[in-house]
Amino acid sequence: MLDDVWDLQHIRPFTQMPMERSRILITTRDREIATKLKAEEIVVSKLSSKQGLELLQNWSDITNVTPDLKEINRVLDGHPLAIKIVGSRLKQGITPTEWLSSYDSITNIKEGRRAELRDDNLSVCFDLSLDSLPDDDRNLYHALGVFPEDIWVPQTIVSTLWRALDNNLTDSDCLDMLIDLENLALLELQKDGDERVVSMHDLLHSYNRHKLGQNYQPTQNRLLEALGDPYHLPHPYAYRQYAYHLQQADRLAELIPLMTDLNFLKAKLHATDPAAFQQDCDAILNALPTDQSHPVIALMRSFWRVSAHVLSQPNHHNQLYNQLLGRLGLHQQNHPDIHTLLEHTRAEAEADPTPQLILTQPTLDPAGGMLQSILKGHSSDIRGAIQLQNGNILSWSEDNTLRIWNPDGNPIASLLGHSFSVNGAIQFQNGNILSWSKDATLRIWNPDGNPIASLLGHSDSVWGAIQLQNGNILSWSDDHTLRIWNPDG
């Protein structure tokens, strides 16, 4: 077994030995080595949350799973070396609470203040992974730290950034470099429809952001300059994340006038959806000092919430004019920015050659009023709803589905599986969801809405279920029976 191989020449002597009754097992983060050897490739993905927690407990000798230990496991996100390093630190006597309070970047993930070996210092480990790259390529890799965590970034946006930093690069060069970085296990490159998208482990993201140092904000500015005119941004990603990059460049104030600019609203709505506008408004409002407010942005946020059920539909472009006029008209006298927006809206609506009725009075539920949002998505009568532990909303309907919505009413997931009307649902203490239906089944889902198990046994409509004190499930049905199930179904 050859562990952590980086140089093909280190393997050559072994491949030239007689191998009639033996095999070579190689571990490497460089996929090109496996390709050149024509070896069978087994990709080892990151650890699951459960596996990561178990490994952290093994390294730390901590048997009691506390909220702080769970938070450390979340931060390390299934990276085995990081878990080993932090677990060893916990075993030395530092408490989970103390480690969390001192953690501010990847540079803290090391076994001691002077740890400089690859297996004791995560940042050093990542440095060594980049040793095979030219200095210019390393800097371009570090530039990926300007993108948000846990976001798949389109290859075209990465190329836009890299070509702004090095104008000698072509799109083909950028793709080749991404493939090289993927072969070194330094990022993930996947197909999403007709385009490629890029992501990386949270710890690699933290590493790149740390390496950017004082160049972080200037690199954000280079990306914004390369994206160009906000009315004609090159990709839906740019519209969705425009507020993020402005904020990281300390330029969020530039977004405020765009929130009442009809041309920007039309361009962004064409590329995204009402939820993206709500996120922009939240970014502005959350950045204000606690003793300040911005009434116009608050009204625009309310507007996008109450009109989302209309403007999320395929024909939303024809509806934008009337939604603006009907929901903001009451506020134009008190807010000049709203007045200007509605004047522009009326002028465009009247000049639009498409036949349509235009509101002359604000007759819709107004933004800023009692109505907060309308949740639209079910196609038949809704039988009930509950709030989940994380604040999201779960609803169920005679359309055979359950749906999860965020607290603002934006759809997150549709739970498909029942073949008849859903009669009810509850959430277990562990976060999983139990539903029951006229199709005579119960189903268990994880908190994100992914199916876990189907409980088959009843022969008629199931009308209710509860979780018993010992964790088991009790259900009852029109088939004249009650049934007890274990928590896993």
Protein backbone atom coordinates (compact mmCIF):
# COMPACT_ATOMS: atom_id res chain seq x y z
CA MET A 1 0.00 0.00 0.00
CA LEU A 2 1.41 3.37 -1.07
CA ASP A 3 -0.16 6.27 0.79
CA ASP A 4 -0.57 9.87 -0.42
CA VAL A 5 1.37 9.52 -3.66
CA TRP A 6 2.20 12.74 -5.54
CA ASP A 7 4.93 11.64 -7.95
CA LEU A 8 4.41 8.92 -10.52
CA GLN A 9 8.10 8.00 -10.33
CA HIS A 10 7.63 6.85 -6.76
CA ILE A 11 5.32 4.09 -8.00
CA ARG A 12 7.31 2.88 -11.02
CA PRO A 13 9.59 0.47 -9.12
CA PHE A 14 6.58 -1.31 -7.63
CA THR A 15 4.83 -1.70 -10.98
CA GLN A 16 7.89 -3.45 -12.38
CA MET A 17 7.82 -6.16 -9.71
CA PRO A 18 6.14 -9.58 -10.21
CA MET A 19 2.51 -9.19 -9.10
CA GLU A 20 1.00 -12.64 -9.69
CA ARG A 21 -0.38 -12.93 -6.14
CA SER A 22 -0.52 -9.31 -5.01
CA ARG A 23 -1.98 -5.92 -5.83
CA ILE A 24 -0.90 -2.33 -5.28
CA LEU A 25 -3.25 -0.03 -3.39
CA ILE A 26 -2.47 3.63 -3.92
CA THR A 27 -4.02 6.65 -2.20
CA THR A 28 -3.58 10.00 -3.90
CA ARG A 29 -5.29 13.33 -4.35
CA ASP A 30 -3.95 13.62 -7.90
CA ARG A 31 -6.37 11.87 -10.27
CA GLU A 32 -3.86 12.09 -13.13
CA ILE A 33 -1.67 9.47 -11.40
CA ALA A 34 -4.50 6.93 -11.51
CA THR A 35 -5.19 7.82 -15.14
CA LYS A 36 -1.57 7.34 -16.25
CA LEU A 37 -1.34 4.02 -14.41
CA LYS A 38 -4.65 2.88 -15.95
CA ALA A 39 -5.62 1.96 -12.41
CA GLU A 40 -9.12 1.21 -11.20
CA GLU A 41 -10.30 4.43 -9.56
CA ILE A 42 -12.31 4.46 -6.33
CA VAL A 43 -13.39 7.97 -5.32
CA VAL A 44 -13.63 8.48 -1.56
CA SER A 45 -16.12 11.23 -0.78
CA LYS A 46 -16.07 13.33 2.36
CA LEU A 47 -17.46 11.82 5.54
CA SER A 48 -21.14 12.13 6.38
CA SER A 49 -22.08 14.20 9.42
CA LYS A 50 -22.59 11.02 11.45
CA GLN A 51 -19.27 9.52 10.34
CA GLY A 52 -17.46 12.79 11.01
CA LEU A 53 -18.86 13.00 14.53
CA GLU A 54 -17.88 9.39 15.28
CA LEU A 55 -14.32 10.02 14.03
CA LEU A 56 -14.11 13.24 16.07
CA GLN A 57 -15.16 11.33 19.18
CA ASN A 58 -12.57 8.64 18.49
CA TRP A 59 -9.72 11.14 18.12
CA SER A 60 -10.79 13.27 21.10
CA ASP A 61 -11.86 10.44 23.47
CA ILE A 62 -15.03 12.50 24.14
CA THR A 63 -18.07 10.28 24.64
CA ASN A 64 -20.64 12.97 25.51
CA VAL A 65 -21.97 14.61 22.34
CA THR A 66 -22.55 18.27 23.28
CA PRO A 67 -23.89 21.07 21.05
CA ASP A 68 -20.35 22.51 20.87
CA LEU A 69 -18.94 19.19 19.66
CA LYS A 70 -21.67 19.05 17.00
CA GLU A 71 -20.77 22.60 15.93
CA ILE A 72 -17.09 21.65 15.58
CA ASN A 73 -18.16 18.70 13.44
CA ARG A 74 -20.23 21.06 11.27
CA VAL A 75 -17.29 23.45 10.82
CA LEU A 76 -14.93 20.63 9.82
CA ASP A 77 -17.54 19.32 7.35
CA GLY A 78 -16.33 15.74 6.99
CA HIS A 79 -12.64 16.48 6.29
CA PRO A 80 -10.74 13.57 7.90
CA LEU A 81 -7.40 15.35 8.38
CA ALA A 82 -9.09 18.37 9.95
CA ILE A 83 -11.05 16.07 12.27
CA LYS A 84 -7.86 14.24 13.25
CA ILE A 85 -6.02 17.49 14.03
CA VAL A 86 -8.85 19.08 16.03
CA GLY A 87 -9.66 15.79 17.80
CA SER A 88 -6.04 15.55 18.93
CA ARG A 89 -6.21 19.10 20.30
CA LEU A 90 -9.36 18.23 22.25
CA LYS A 91 -7.65 15.12 23.61
CA GLN A 92 -4.80 17.32 24.88
CA GLY A 93 -7.25 19.12 27.15
CA ILE A 94 -8.75 22.07 25.28
CA THR A 95 -12.56 22.00 25.57
CA PRO A 96 -14.91 22.17 22.57
CA THR A 97 -16.16 25.56 23.82
CA GLU A 98 -12.60 26.90 24.03
CA TRP A 99 -11.73 25.64 20.55
CA LEU A 100 -14.81 27.25 19.03
CA SER A 101 -14.12 30.57 20.72
CA SER A 102 -10.56 30.63 19.34
CA TYR A 103 -11.36 29.41 15.83
CA ASP A 104 -11.43 32.21 13.27
CA SER A 105 -9.80 30.66 10.21
CA ILE A 106 -8.22 27.56 8.80
CA THR A 107 -4.88 28.61 10.34
CA ASN A 108 -6.20 27.46 13.73
CA ILE A 109 -6.57 23.87 12.53
CA LYS A 110 -3.20 22.59 13.69
CA GLU A 111 -2.04 20.43 16.58
CA GLY A 112 0.09 23.11 18.20
CA ARG A 113 1.45 26.62 17.79
CA ARG A 114 4.61 25.40 16.02
CA ALA A 115 3.07 22.53 14.05
CA GLU A 116 4.57 22.64 10.56
CA LEU A 117 4.17 19.04 9.36
CA ARG A 118 1.59 18.14 6.74
CA ASP A 119 -0.30 15.79 9.06
CA ASP A 120 -0.37 18.29 11.94
CA ASN A 121 -1.26 21.55 10.15
CA LEU A 122 -4.11 21.69 7.64
CA SER A 123 -2.92 24.89 5.97
CA VAL A 124 0.51 23.32 5.38
CA CYS A 125 -1.22 20.25 3.95
CA PHE A 126 -3.06 22.40 1.41
CA ASP A 127 0.13 24.32 0.60
CA LEU A 128 1.83 21.06 -0.31
CA SER A 129 -1.10 20.13 -2.55
CA LEU A 130 -0.35 23.24 -4.62
CA ASP A 131 3.40 22.71 -4.89
CA SER A 132 3.09 21.28 -8.40
CA LEU A 133 1.42 24.45 -9.72
CA PRO A 134 3.17 27.58 -11.03
CA ASP A 135 2.95 30.64 -8.76
CA ASP A 136 0.52 32.40 -11.10
CA ASP A 137 -1.83 29.41 -11.06
CA ARG A 138 -1.72 29.28 -7.27
CA ASN A 139 -2.76 32.91 -7.08
CA LEU A 140 -5.66 32.26 -9.44
CA TYR A 141 -6.74 29.32 -7.28
CA HIS A 142 -6.62 31.51 -4.17
CA ALA A 143 -8.81 34.04 -6.01
CA LEU A 144 -11.67 31.52 -5.81
CA GLY A 145 -11.95 32.61 -2.19
CA VAL A 146 -13.99 35.63 -3.32
CA PHE A 147 -17.01 33.44 -4.08
CA PRO A 148 -19.60 32.54 -1.41
CA GLU A 149 -19.28 29.29 0.52
CA ASP A 150 -21.46 26.31 -0.44
CA ILE A 151 -22.34 27.79 -3.85
CA TRP A 152 -21.79 26.10 -7.20
CA VAL A 153 -20.18 28.82 -9.31
CA PRO A 154 -20.56 28.64 -13.12
CA GLN A 155 -17.33 28.04 -15.00
CA THR A 156 -18.05 31.14 -17.10
CA ILE A 157 -17.99 33.31 -13.95
CA VAL A 158 -14.72 31.74 -12.78
CA SER A 159 -13.26 32.39 -16.25
CA THR A 160 -14.49 35.99 -16.07
CA LEU A 161 -12.60 36.49 -12.79
CA TRP A 162 -9.42 34.73 -13.89
CA ARG A 163 -9.26 36.54 -17.23
CA ALA A 164 -9.68 39.85 -15.39
CA LEU A 165 -6.66 38.91 -13.26
CA ASP A 166 -4.61 37.58 -16.19
CA ASN A 167 -5.61 38.94 -19.59
CA ASN A 168 -3.41 36.40 -21.38
CA LEU A 169 -5.75 33.57 -20.41
CA THR A 170 -8.37 32.14 -22.76
CA ASP A 171 -11.56 30.35 -21.74
CA SER A 172 -9.89 27.12 -22.80
CA ASP A 173 -6.94 27.85 -20.50
CA CYS A 174 -9.34 28.42 -17.61
CA LEU A 175 -11.09 25.11 -18.23
CA ASP A 176 -7.77 23.26 -18.40
CA MET A 177 -6.74 24.79 -15.09
CA LEU A 178 -10.05 23.80 -13.46
CA ILE A 179 -9.55 20.23 -14.65
CA ASP A 180 -6.00 20.23 -13.20
CA LEU A 181 -7.31 21.52 -9.87
CA GLU A 182 -10.03 18.90 -9.83
CA ASN A 183 -7.44 16.19 -10.47
CA LEU A 184 -5.57 17.49 -7.42
CA ALA A 185 -8.79 17.23 -5.35
CA LEU A 186 -8.68 20.99 -4.76
CA LEU A 187 -12.18 21.61 -6.12
CA GLU A 188 -15.18 19.87 -7.64
CA LEU A 189 -16.17 20.36 -11.28
CA GLN A 190 -19.57 19.11 -12.40
CA LYS A 191 -21.98 19.45 -15.29
CA ASP A 192 -25.21 21.35 -14.58
CA GLY A 193 -27.31 21.14 -17.72
CA ASP A 194 -25.29 22.66 -20.55
CA GLU A 195 -22.64 24.30 -18.37
CA ARG A 196 -19.96 23.32 -15.89
CA VAL A 197 -20.08 24.52 -12.29
CA VAL A 198 -17.37 24.70 -9.64
CA SER A 199 -17.41 24.23 -5.87
CA MET A 200 -14.94 23.40 -3.11
CA HIS A 201 -14.89 22.11 0.44
CA ASP A 202 -15.59 24.80 3.04
CA LEU A 203 -12.10 24.37 4.51
CA LEU A 204 -10.48 24.91 1.11
CA HIS A 205 -12.66 27.98 0.71
CA SER A 206 -11.44 29.25 4.10
CA TYR A 207 -7.86 28.46 3.06
CA ASN A 208 -8.14 30.47 -0.16
CA ARG A 209 -9.76 33.41 1.58
CA HIS A 210 -6.96 33.39 4.16
CA LYS A 211 -4.33 33.28 1.40
CA LEU A 212 -5.88 36.29 -0.35
CA GLY A 213 -5.24 38.39 2.74
CA GLN A 214 -5.20 42.09 1.88
CA ASN A 215 -5.93 41.24 -1.76
CA TYR A 216 -9.42 39.99 -0.87
CA GLN A 217 -11.29 43.26 -1.37
CA PRO A 218 -9.31 44.34 -4.47
CA THR A 219 -10.05 40.92 -6.02
CA GLN A 220 -13.76 41.43 -5.33
CA ASN A 221 -13.53 44.77 -7.10
CA ARG A 222 -11.80 43.16 -10.10
CA LEU A 223 -14.65 40.65 -10.36
CA LEU A 224 -17.30 43.38 -10.16
CA GLU A 225 -15.53 45.38 -12.85
CA ALA A 226 -15.34 42.30 -15.06
CA LEU A 227 -19.05 41.53 -14.58
CA GLY A 228 -19.77 44.98 -15.98
CA ASP A 229 -23.01 46.93 -16.28
CA PRO A 230 -25.51 45.78 -13.60
CA TYR A 231 -28.31 46.11 -16.16
CA HIS A 232 -26.65 43.53 -18.41
CA LEU A 233 -24.86 41.10 -16.12
CA PRO A 234 -23.53 38.04 -18.00
CA HIS A 235 -25.13 35.19 -16.02
CA PRO A 236 -27.99 34.53 -13.54
CA TYR A 237 -25.31 33.81 -10.92
CA ALA A 238 -24.14 37.42 -11.24
CA TYR A 239 -27.65 38.74 -10.52
CA ARG A 240 -28.18 36.37 -7.59
CA GLN A 241 -24.83 37.11 -5.97
CA TYR A 242 -24.41 40.77 -6.99
CA ALA A 243 -25.33 41.99 -3.51
CA TYR A 244 -22.87 39.56 -1.93
CA HIS A 245 -19.94 40.72 -4.05
CA LEU A 246 -20.83 44.41 -3.56
CA GLN A 247 -20.98 43.89 0.19
CA GLN A 248 -17.65 42.04 0.27
CA ALA A 249 -16.12 44.93 -1.69
CA ASP A 250 -17.62 47.42 0.79
CA ARG A 251 -19.82 48.84 -2.00
CA LEU A 252 -23.27 47.68 -0.91
CA ALA A 253 -24.59 51.26 -1.03
CA GLU A 254 -24.45 51.01 -4.84
CA LEU A 255 -27.26 48.46 -4.70
CA ILE A 256 -29.78 50.74 -2.94
CA PRO A 257 -30.79 52.91 -5.94
CA LEU A 258 -31.01 49.81 -8.13
CA MET A 259 -33.77 48.41 -5.90
CA THR A 260 -36.16 51.09 -7.24
CA ASP A 261 -34.80 51.18 -10.79
CA LEU A 262 -37.34 49.59 -13.16
CA ASN A 263 -34.72 48.63 -15.74
CA PHE A 264 -32.70 46.75 -13.13
CA LEU A 265 -35.82 45.12 -11.68
CA LYS A 266 -36.81 43.84 -15.13
CA ALA A 267 -33.33 42.56 -15.94
CA LYS A 268 -32.88 40.79 -12.61
CA LEU A 269 -36.38 39.30 -12.60
CA HIS A 270 -35.77 37.94 -16.10
CA ALA A 271 -32.64 36.15 -14.78
CA THR A 272 -33.82 35.14 -11.28
CA ASP A 273 -36.97 35.25 -9.13
CA PRO A 274 -38.62 37.28 -6.33
CA ALA A 275 -36.64 35.41 -3.65
CA ALA A 276 -33.41 36.86 -5.05
CA PHE A 277 -34.78 40.39 -4.56
CA GLN A 278 -35.75 39.58 -0.98
CA GLN A 279 -32.18 38.45 -0.33
CA ASP A 280 -30.87 41.73 -1.76
CA CYS A 281 -33.16 43.74 0.49
CA ASP A 282 -32.17 41.63 3.49
CA ALA A 283 -28.49 42.27 2.75
CA ILE A 284 -29.09 46.03 2.75
CA LEU A 285 -31.29 46.07 5.85
CA ASN A 286 -29.02 43.74 7.84
CA ALA A 287 -26.00 45.91 7.06
CA LEU A 288 -27.61 49.00 8.62
CA PRO A 289 -26.66 50.05 12.15
CA THR A 290 -29.20 48.80 14.70
CA ASP A 291 -30.54 52.32 15.27
CA GLN A 292 -31.17 52.97 11.56
CA SER A 293 -33.82 51.85 9.08
CA HIS A 294 -34.50 52.24 5.37
CA PRO A 295 -38.27 52.50 4.78
CA VAL A 296 -38.04 52.27 0.99
CA ILE A 297 -35.97 49.06 1.02
CA ALA A 298 -38.29 47.62 3.68
CA LEU A 299 -41.26 48.38 1.42
CA MET A 300 -39.53 46.80 -1.58
CA ARG A 301 -38.81 43.69 0.45
CA SER A 302 -42.48 43.50 1.42
CA PHE A 303 -43.44 44.05 -2.23
CA TRP A 304 -41.42 41.05 -3.42
CA ARG A 305 -42.89 38.88 -0.67
CA VAL A 306 -46.55 39.66 -1.33
CA SER A 307 -46.20 39.47 -5.11
CA ALA A 308 -43.96 36.38 -5.23
CA HIS A 309 -46.85 34.01 -5.95
CA VAL A 310 -47.55 35.98 -9.15
CA LEU A 311 -44.06 36.98 -10.25
CA SER A 312 -42.69 33.45 -9.80
CA GLN A 313 -44.95 32.23 -12.61
CA PRO A 314 -43.73 31.85 -16.21
CA ASN A 315 -45.69 34.90 -17.44
CA HIS A 316 -44.35 37.18 -14.70
CA HIS A 317 -42.95 39.78 -17.14
CA ASN A 318 -46.46 40.83 -18.12
CA GLN A 319 -47.47 41.08 -14.46
CA LEU A 320 -44.64 43.22 -13.08
CA TYR A 321 -46.20 46.55 -14.10
CA ASN A 322 -49.53 45.90 -12.37
CA GLN A 323 -47.91 44.37 -9.29
CA LEU A 324 -45.79 47.50 -8.82
CA LEU A 325 -48.69 49.87 -9.44
CA GLY A 326 -51.18 47.89 -7.40
CA ARG A 327 -49.01 47.24 -4.32
CA LEU A 328 -46.83 50.36 -4.06
CA GLY A 329 -49.28 53.06 -5.18
CA LEU A 330 -50.30 53.99 -1.62
CA HIS A 331 -46.69 54.83 -0.74
CA GLN A 332 -45.66 57.07 -3.63
CA GLN A 333 -46.67 60.31 -1.93
CA ASN A 334 -44.39 59.66 1.07
CA HIS A 335 -41.38 58.27 -0.79
CA PRO A 336 -39.95 60.07 -3.86
CA ASP A 337 -38.03 56.96 -4.95
CA ILE A 338 -41.27 54.97 -5.08
CA HIS A 339 -42.99 57.81 -6.95
CA THR A 340 -40.24 57.89 -9.59
CA LEU A 341 -40.38 54.10 -9.95
CA LEU A 342 -44.15 54.13 -10.51
CA GLU A 343 -43.99 57.02 -12.97
CA HIS A 344 -41.46 55.05 -15.00
CA THR A 345 -43.65 51.95 -14.68
CA ARG A 346 -46.78 53.73 -15.98
CA ALA A 347 -44.88 55.21 -18.91
CA GLU A 348 -43.45 51.84 -19.94
CA ALA A 349 -46.75 50.03 -19.46
CA GLU A 350 -48.56 52.53 -21.68
CA ALA A 351 -45.85 52.29 -24.35
CA ASP A 352 -45.78 48.49 -24.29
CA PRO A 353 -47.35 47.20 -27.55
CA THR A 354 -48.60 44.03 -25.83
CA PRO A 355 -52.38 44.32 -25.21
CA GLN A 356 -52.97 44.43 -21.45
CA LEU A 357 -55.07 46.11 -18.78
CA ILE A 358 -53.13 48.55 -16.62
CA LEU A 359 -54.23 49.38 -13.07
CA THR A 360 -55.07 53.02 -12.52
CA GLN A 361 -55.59 52.61 -8.76
CA PRO A 362 -53.61 50.66 -6.09
CA THR A 363 -56.25 47.97 -5.65
CA LEU A 364 -54.00 45.05 -4.62
CA ASP A 365 -52.96 44.18 -1.05
CA PRO A 366 -50.33 46.83 -0.39
CA ALA A 367 -46.69 46.24 0.40
CA GLY A 368 -46.02 47.03 4.05
CA GLY A 369 -49.54 46.01 5.07
CA MET A 370 -50.93 43.18 7.17
CA LEU A 371 -50.44 40.55 4.44
CA GLN A 372 -46.88 39.26 4.56
CA SER A 373 -46.79 36.67 1.78
CA ILE A 374 -48.87 34.22 -0.23
CA LEU A 375 -47.62 30.63 -0.50
CA LYS A 376 -48.64 29.23 -3.86
CA GLY A 377 -47.68 25.83 -5.22
CA HIS A 378 -50.23 23.20 -4.18
CA SER A 379 -52.72 22.27 -6.91
CA SER A 380 -55.59 21.11 -4.68
CA ASP A 381 -57.13 21.74 -1.25
CA ILE A 382 -54.58 22.16 1.53
CA ARG A 383 -55.29 19.91 4.52
CA GLY A 384 -52.90 21.43 7.07
CA ALA A 385 -49.56 23.01 7.94
CA ILE A 386 -47.07 23.17 10.82
CA GLN A 387 -43.91 25.08 11.60
CA LEU A 388 -40.78 22.94 11.68
CA GLN A 389 -38.05 23.13 14.30
CA ASN A 390 -35.79 25.22 12.04
CA GLY A 391 -38.54 27.80 11.42
CA ASN A 392 -39.55 26.53 7.99
CA ILE A 393 -43.18 25.70 7.16
CA LEU A 394 -44.51 22.26 6.18
CA SER A 395 -47.86 21.98 4.38
CA TRP A 396 -49.80 19.03 2.95
CA SER A 397 -52.58 18.79 0.43
CA GLU A 398 -55.09 16.72 -1.49
CA ASP A 399 -52.70 17.03 -4.45
CA ASN A 400 -50.78 14.08 -2.85
CA THR A 401 -47.76 16.23 -1.90
CA LEU A 402 -46.19 17.92 1.07
CA ARG A 403 -44.22 21.10 0.60
CA ILE A 404 -41.55 22.89 2.64
CA TRP A 405 -41.37 26.69 2.58
CA ASN A 406 -38.98 29.09 4.25
CA PRO A 407 -40.42 31.53 6.84
CA ASP A 408 -40.88 34.16 4.10
CA GLY A 409 -43.04 31.77 2.07
CA ASN A 410 -40.52 30.88 -0.62
CA PRO A 411 -40.67 27.22 -1.74
CA ILE A 412 -37.79 24.97 -0.69
CA ALA A 413 -38.87 21.41 -1.50
CA SER A 414 -41.77 19.27 -2.71
CA LEU A 415 -42.17 15.89 -0.98
CA LEU A 416 -43.38 13.45 -3.63
CA GLY A 417 -44.29 9.84 -2.93
CA HIS A 418 -47.87 9.53 -1.71
CA SER A 419 -50.36 8.42 -4.35
CA PHE A 420 -53.45 9.90 -2.68
CA SER A 421 -54.40 12.87 -0.50
CA VAL A 422 -52.04 13.55 2.43
CA ASN A 423 -54.05 13.58 5.66
CA GLY A 424 -51.45 14.86 8.12
CA ALA A 425 -47.85 15.16 9.23
CA ILE A 426 -45.70 15.65 12.34
CA GLN A 427 -42.03 16.25 13.01
CA PHE A 428 -40.00 13.94 15.26
CA GLN A 429 -37.57 15.24 17.86
CA ASN A 430 -34.65 14.24 15.62
CA GLY A 431 -35.99 16.50 12.87
CA ASN A 432 -37.37 13.82 10.57
CA ILE A 433 -40.92 14.21 9.22
CA LEU A 434 -43.72 11.62 9.31
CA SER A 435 -46.70 11.92 6.94
CA TRP A 436 -49.77 9.75 6.42
CA SER A 437 -52.22 9.48 3.58
CA LYS A 438 -55.40 8.10 2.07
CA ASP A 439 -53.12 5.76 0.13
CA ALA A 440 -52.89 3.63 3.33
CA THR A 441 -49.20 4.40 3.87
CA LEU A 442 -47.07 6.47 6.20
CA ARG A 443 -43.80 7.93 5.00
CA ILE A 444 -40.70 9.21 6.79
CA TRP A 445 -38.66 12.06 5.31
CA ASN A 446 -35.51 13.81 6.46
CA PRO A 447 -35.71 17.53 7.40
CA ASP A 448 -34.79 18.51 3.83
CA GLY A 449 -37.71 16.49 2.41
CA ASN A 450 -35.77 13.51 1.08
CA PRO A 451 -37.55 10.14 1.54
CA ILE A 452 -36.23 7.72 4.17
CA ALA A 453 -38.83 4.95 4.52
CA SER A 454 -42.37 3.89 3.59
CA LEU A 455 -44.49 2.22 6.29
CA LEU A 456 -46.68 -0.39 4.58
CA GLY A 457 -49.30 -2.46 6.40
CA HIS A 458 -52.57 -0.58 6.69
CA SER A 459 -55.19 -1.51 4.10
CA ASP A 460 -57.21 1.72 4.15
CA SER A 461 -56.77 5.45 4.69
CA VAL A 462 -54.47 6.43 7.58
CA TRP A 463 -55.96 9.24 9.65
CA GLY A 464 -53.39 9.94 12.32
CA ALA A 465 -50.10 9.09 14.02
CA ILE A 466 -48.06 10.10 17.07
CA GLN A 467 -44.61 9.35 18.39
CA LEU A 468 -44.64 7.42 21.66
CA GLN A 469 -42.40 8.13 24.64
CA ASN A 470 -40.05 5.29 23.69
CA GLY A 471 -39.66 6.72 20.17
CA ASN A 472 -41.92 4.24 18.42
CA ILE A 473 -44.72 5.38 16.08
CA LEU A 474 -48.42 4.71 16.66
CA SER A 475 -50.79 5.06 13.68
CA TRP A 476 -54.53 4.47 13.15
CA SER A 477 -56.60 3.83 10.05
CA ASP A 478 -60.01 3.23 8.47
CA ASP A 479 -59.00 -0.43 8.31
CA HIS A 480 -60.07 -0.66 12.03
CA THR A 481 -56.48 -1.18 13.25
CA LEU A 482 -53.76 0.69 15.07
CA ARG A 483 -50.16 -0.20 14.33
CA ILE A 484 -46.90 0.37 16.18
CA TRP A 485 -43.73 0.90 14.15
CA ASN A 486 -40.11 1.42 15.15
CA PRO A 487 -38.71 4.94 14.51
CA ASP A 488 -36.97 3.83 11.31
CA GLY A 489 -40.23 2.45 9.86
